[in-house]
Amino acid sequence: MLTLVHIIGQILFGGFFIYQAINHFSKSQDLTAYATSMKVPAPKVAVWGSGILLFLGGVGVLFNFYTLIALILLAIFLIGVTFTMHAFWNMKDPGIKAFNSIQFWKNLALLGAVLLLMQW
């Protein structure tokens, strides 16, 4: 039985990833430029592909639709992006390093949540 707390959690968690997907698509030029600077192969494809993973994962969580597959898609996104795009330990500029450190640890926490949800 779904409780109100569970429904709010689905909206917040799934909605977060859908919002990030929309951001990927609407700012694809900027994100492609950043991916290029991080030496990601086929950066445009990577940005759009990661946006699709975010969107499908978020929709699956939000609507409780193929939830395990949705969570796997989100895990794939988080593992790939966290260790390549937010590798703060390789960065020299203190501001950029701090920003990416925050993003890295946030993504690890999100990955932990995804893994926990896979058990339910």
C-alpha atoms as a PDB file:
ATOM      1  CA  MET A   1       0.000   0.000   0.000  1.00  0.00           C
ATOM      2  CA  LEU A   2       1.326   3.398  -0.972  1.00  0.00           C
ATOM      3  CA  THR A   3       1.414   5.942   1.807  1.00  0.00           C
ATOM      4  CA  LEU A   4       1.374   9.708   1.388  1.00  0.00           C
ATOM      5  CA  VAL A   5       5.041   9.802   2.410  1.00  0.00           C
ATOM      6  CA  HIS A   6       5.889   7.222  -0.266  1.00  0.00           C
ATOM      7  CA  ILE A   7       4.014   9.192  -2.948  1.00  0.00           C
ATOM      8  CA  ILE A   8       5.769  12.429  -1.952  1.00  0.00           C
ATOM      9  CA  GLY A   9       9.095  10.563  -2.079  1.00  0.00           C
ATOM     10  CA  GLN A  10       8.334   9.284  -5.580  1.00  0.00           C
ATOM     11  CA  ILE A  11       7.432  12.785  -6.749  1.00  0.00           C
ATOM     12  CA  LEU A  12      10.566  14.342  -5.269  1.00  0.00           C
ATOM     13  CA  PHE A  13      12.998  11.593  -6.290  1.00  0.00           C
ATOM     14  CA  GLY A  14      11.593  10.891  -9.759  1.00  0.00           C
ATOM     15  CA  GLY A  15      10.941  14.588 -10.364  1.00  0.00           C
ATOM     16  CA  PHE A  16      14.555  15.448  -9.552  1.00  0.00           C
ATOM     17  CA  PHE A  17      15.823  13.163 -12.312  1.00  0.00           C
ATOM     18  CA  ILE A  18      13.202  14.361 -14.804  1.00  0.00           C
ATOM     19  CA  TYR A  19      14.218  17.972 -14.072  1.00  0.00           C
ATOM     20  CA  GLN A  20      17.862  17.049 -14.635  1.00  0.00           C
ATOM     21  CA  ALA A  21      16.930  15.373 -17.936  1.00  0.00           C
ATOM     22  CA  ILE A  22      15.128  18.507 -19.116  1.00  0.00           C
ATOM     23  CA  ASN A  23      18.222  20.479 -18.124  1.00  0.00           C
ATOM     24  CA  HIS A  24      20.384  18.084 -20.180  1.00  0.00           C
ATOM     25  CA  PHE A  25      18.243  18.639 -23.253  1.00  0.00           C
ATOM     26  CA  SER A  26      17.727  22.388 -22.878  1.00  0.00           C
ATOM     27  CA  LYS A  27      21.400  23.093 -22.123  1.00  0.00           C
ATOM     28  CA  SER A  28      22.878  20.406 -24.336  1.00  0.00           C
ATOM     29  CA  GLN A  29      25.315  22.812 -26.038  1.00  0.00           C
ATOM     30  CA  ASP A  30      26.811  23.937 -22.722  1.00  0.00           C
ATOM     31  CA  LEU A  31      26.933  20.403 -21.356  1.00  0.00           C
ATOM     32  CA  THR A  32      28.483  19.134 -24.594  1.00  0.00           C
ATOM     33  CA  ALA A  33      31.187  21.800 -24.327  1.00  0.00           C
ATOM     34  CA  TYR A  34      31.870  20.755 -20.726  1.00  0.00           C
ATOM     35  CA  ALA A  35      31.926  17.063 -21.691  1.00  0.00           C
ATOM     36  CA  THR A  36      34.371  17.923 -24.482  1.00  0.00           C
ATOM     37  CA  SER A  37      36.626  19.699 -21.983  1.00  0.00           C
ATOM     38  CA  MET A  38      36.519  16.570 -19.793  1.00  0.00           C
ATOM     39  CA  LYS A  39      37.630  14.508 -22.822  1.00  0.00           C
ATOM     40  CA  VAL A  40      34.426  12.457 -22.971  1.00  0.00           C
ATOM     41  CA  PRO A  41      34.293  10.474 -26.228  1.00  0.00           C
ATOM     42  CA  ALA A  42      31.373  11.526 -28.460  1.00  0.00           C
ATOM     43  CA  PRO A  43      30.335  14.257 -26.011  1.00  0.00           C
ATOM     44  CA  LYS A  44      27.104  15.210 -27.775  1.00  0.00           C
ATOM     45  CA  VAL A  45      25.942  11.593 -27.821  1.00  0.00           C
ATOM     46  CA  ALA A  46      26.997  11.234 -24.172  1.00  0.00           C
ATOM     47  CA  VAL A  47      24.976  14.295 -23.124  1.00  0.00           C
ATOM     48  CA  TRP A  48      21.847  13.195 -24.974  1.00  0.00           C
ATOM     49  CA  GLY A  49      22.284   9.570 -23.893  1.00  0.00           C
ATOM     50  CA  SER A  50      22.672  10.562 -20.262  1.00  0.00           C
ATOM     51  CA  GLY A  51      19.617  12.812 -20.597  1.00  0.00           C
ATOM     52  CA  ILE A  52      17.615   9.836 -21.863  1.00  0.00           C
ATOM     53  CA  LEU A  53      18.817   7.704 -18.922  1.00  0.00           C
ATOM     54  CA  LEU A  54      17.766  10.478 -16.522  1.00  0.00           C
ATOM     55  CA  PHE A  55      14.371  10.917 -18.160  1.00  0.00           C
ATOM     56  CA  LEU A  56      13.461   7.241 -18.385  1.00  0.00           C
ATOM     57  CA  GLY A  57      14.735   6.568 -14.886  1.00  0.00           C
ATOM     58  CA  GLY A  58      12.886   9.540 -13.429  1.00  0.00           C
ATOM     59  CA  VAL A  59       9.617   8.689 -15.179  1.00  0.00           C
ATOM     60  CA  GLY A  60       9.880   5.064 -14.046  1.00  0.00           C
ATOM     61  CA  VAL A  61      10.372   6.093 -10.425  1.00  0.00           C
ATOM     62  CA  LEU A  62       7.714   8.827 -10.553  1.00  0.00           C
ATOM     63  CA  PHE A  63       5.014   6.583 -12.008  1.00  0.00           C
ATOM     64  CA  ASN A  64       6.174   3.286 -10.450  1.00  0.00           C
ATOM     65  CA  PHE A  65       6.597   1.895 -13.954  1.00  0.00           C
ATOM     66  CA  TYR A  66       9.267  -0.768 -14.588  1.00  0.00           C
ATOM     67  CA  THR A  67      10.831   0.544 -11.410  1.00  0.00           C
ATOM     68  CA  LEU A  68      13.774  -1.856 -11.247  1.00  0.00           C
ATOM     69  CA  ILE A  69      14.759  -1.051 -14.829  1.00  0.00           C
ATOM     70  CA  ALA A  70      14.347   2.672 -14.098  1.00  0.00           C
ATOM     71  CA  LEU A  71      16.625   2.367 -11.070  1.00  0.00           C
ATOM     72  CA  ILE A  72      19.212   0.445 -13.088  1.00  0.00           C
ATOM     73  CA  LEU A  73      19.198   3.245 -15.688  1.00  0.00           C
ATOM     74  CA  LEU A  74      19.722   5.811 -12.941  1.00  0.00           C
ATOM     75  CA  ALA A  75      22.556   3.747 -11.444  1.00  0.00           C
ATOM     76  CA  ILE A  76      24.253   3.530 -14.849  1.00  0.00           C
ATOM     77  CA  PHE A  77      23.964   7.309 -15.216  1.00  0.00           C
ATOM     78  CA  LEU A  78      25.236   8.032 -11.707  1.00  0.00           C
ATOM     79  CA  ILE A  79      28.203   5.661 -11.896  1.00  0.00           C
ATOM     80  CA  GLY A  80      29.299   6.938 -15.303  1.00  0.00           C
ATOM     81  CA  VAL A  81      28.867  10.648 -14.628  1.00  0.00           C
ATOM     82  CA  THR A  82      30.075  10.750 -11.037  1.00  0.00           C
ATOM     83  CA  PHE A  83      33.516   9.332 -11.687  1.00  0.00           C
ATOM     84  CA  THR A  84      34.158  11.066 -15.021  1.00  0.00           C
ATOM     85  CA  MET A  85      32.485  14.467 -14.918  1.00  0.00           C
ATOM     86  CA  HIS A  86      33.006  15.195 -11.221  1.00  0.00           C
ATOM     87  CA  ALA A  87      36.510  13.796 -10.645  1.00  0.00           C
ATOM     88  CA  PHE A  88      37.361  16.697  -8.338  1.00  0.00           C
ATOM     89  CA  TRP A  89      40.663  15.126  -7.287  1.00  0.00           C
ATOM     90  CA  ASN A  90      42.026  15.894 -10.781  1.00  0.00           C
ATOM     91  CA  MET A  91      41.056  19.572 -10.719  1.00  0.00           C
ATOM     92  CA  LYS A  92      43.379  22.456  -9.903  1.00  0.00           C
ATOM     93  CA  ASP A  93      41.086  25.499  -9.609  1.00  0.00           C
ATOM     94  CA  PRO A  94      39.800  25.614  -5.996  1.00  0.00           C
ATOM     95  CA  GLY A  95      36.321  26.857  -6.951  1.00  0.00           C
ATOM     96  CA  ILE A  96      35.815  24.249  -9.661  1.00  0.00           C
ATOM     97  CA  LYS A  97      37.278  21.583  -7.391  1.00  0.00           C
ATOM     98  CA  ALA A  98      34.875  22.518  -4.566  1.00  0.00           C
ATOM     99  CA  PHE A  99      31.857  22.549  -6.913  1.00  0.00           C
ATOM    100  CA  ASN A 100      32.736  19.148  -8.342  1.00  0.00           C
ATOM    101  CA  SER A 101      33.426  17.716  -4.899  1.00  0.00           C
ATOM    102  CA  ILE A 102      29.877  18.660  -3.896  1.00  0.00           C
ATOM    103  CA  GLN A 103      28.476  17.147  -7.099  1.00  0.00           C
ATOM    104  CA  PHE A 104      30.539  13.977  -6.623  1.00  0.00           C
ATOM    105  CA  TRP A 105      29.317  13.363  -3.055  1.00  0.00           C
ATOM    106  CA  LYS A 106      25.723  14.303  -3.957  1.00  0.00           C
ATOM    107  CA  ASN A 107      25.780  11.780  -6.782  1.00  0.00           C
ATOM    108  CA  LEU A 108      27.219   9.098  -4.492  1.00  0.00           C
ATOM    109  CA  ALA A 109      24.385   9.742  -2.030  1.00  0.00           C
ATOM    110  CA  LEU A 110      21.851   9.513  -4.881  1.00  0.00           C
ATOM    111  CA  LEU A 111      23.475   6.269  -6.020  1.00  0.00           C
ATOM    112  CA  GLY A 112      23.134   4.943  -2.480  1.00  0.00           C
ATOM    113  CA  ALA A 113      19.437   5.828  -2.508  1.00  0.00           C
ATOM    114  CA  VAL A 114      18.982   4.127  -5.883  1.00  0.00           C
ATOM    115  CA  LEU A 115      20.673   0.981  -4.585  1.00  0.00           C
ATOM    116  CA  LEU A 116      18.494   0.996  -1.456  1.00  0.00           C
ATOM    117  CA  LEU A 117      15.349   1.359  -3.561  1.00  0.00           C
ATOM    118  CA  MET A 118      16.384  -1.635  -5.664  1.00  0.00           C
ATOM    119  CA  GLN A 119      15.850  -3.769  -2.562  1.00  0.00           C
ATOM    120  CA  TRP A 120      12.188  -2.721  -2.178  1.00  0.00           C
END
